[in-house]
Amino acid sequence: MTTAVQPPPLLTVQGLVKHFPLKKDLFGRGGGVVRAVDGVSFAVRSGETLGIVGESGCGKSTTARLLMHLIQPDNGDIIFEGKAVGSRDLGLKEYRRQVQMVFQDSYASLNPRLTIEDSVAFAPQVHGTPRREAVERARNLLSRVGLEPRRFAERYPHELSGGQRQRVNIARALALQPRVIILDEAVSALDKSVEAQVLNLLMELKQDFGLTYLFISHDLNVVEHMSDRVLVMYLGQIVEIGDAQAMFAEPQHPYTRALLSSIPAVDPDDRTEVPPLAGDPPNPINPPSGCRFHTRCAMAQPACSQRVPVLKPVAGSASSPQTAREARQPSDAVACLMYEADSGHSAAPGLREAA
């Protein structure tokens, strides 16, 4: 039996780090850094939707801004189609033509002094497209996202609803004909009926234009619906990444389990009596030693505070090894001592097999 050769990833992130320094007060107290993103590595395949989830403050949006180079990383590499971003082979201008972003705040994202048509046509003109061609492309894209150009092209952002403005932002992101679009909470500010329309539009555009999405959201139901794979972040680090269906069916990391169990149930008889996760995340200025989740983890043992878990492929589940091994994909990875051989945790493969 021959194994299918996986094509190289479209976008690769290696060891991405961003620490925000804190100022000291007049007496020299304080200082330190906020570890917003602390050694994040992952790959995005061409044509997939990678969902990114986690609690507020886990580093999702900072990671998105680092990928767009809206803020400068302290360390790490971003590689697009085998070329390092910012190098001689791939400058920022060319990279940003290939990778675009849609932000959460649809109003703040648009220039209030530009018409909708001019907002969409602006970026192509900056990249050298003649104005007439840029305007024609803008009108075509407005029509494609459901905004009739004759009605909307000459309007200003304040004359549109939130859903209409977000459609404009999607059209603007498509104006440079990119291959990757980063969606940072792009539908979270919309009401549910409009959200469903925009999500359906995004799925149609992905199919029609051959796009790759990084979909950041706190709505886990939407992430499950949209994503091919899911990346889970906690306190600036990745704790689990893998196939969306498998992860939602059988999450491996204790934090992922708690996160998914917080999804509200439609059945009133299936209500949650005990909160799946208690307390707030630790201070990112001074994160806990070892596994950063151990202070809130029901499965924590002494080894968890002493040893940093490594994000590595899953060899099996601590609860049901055979079932997990069959369900999970080879590329899935978890950062938890319960899956590291001889890690010191009683559920680790070495100790479990010896028992």
Foldseek 3Di string as FASTA:
>chain_A
DDDDDDDDFQKWWFQWWDWAWDDADPVRDDIFTQGQAGGETDGFHFLFEEEEEEDPSLNPVVVVCCQLPVDPTPDIFMAGPNHTECDPVHDSLNVCLQEEEQEAQLLVVFDQVDFLLCLLLVSVVVVPDDSVVSSVLSQVQCVLLPHHCVPGRRHGPVVDDRLSSLSSSVSSSCSSLHAEYEYANSQVVDDDVSSVSVLVSVVVCCVVSSHYYHYYDHQLVSCLVRGQKYWYGGLNYTFKIFGSVLCLVPNADLVSVLSSVPNADPDPVPGDPDRSWDDDQDRSSDAQAADSCLVTGPQHDPLRRHHHFDWDFACAHLVGGVVSVVSTDRPITGRDQLRDAPSPRCSYPPNVVVD
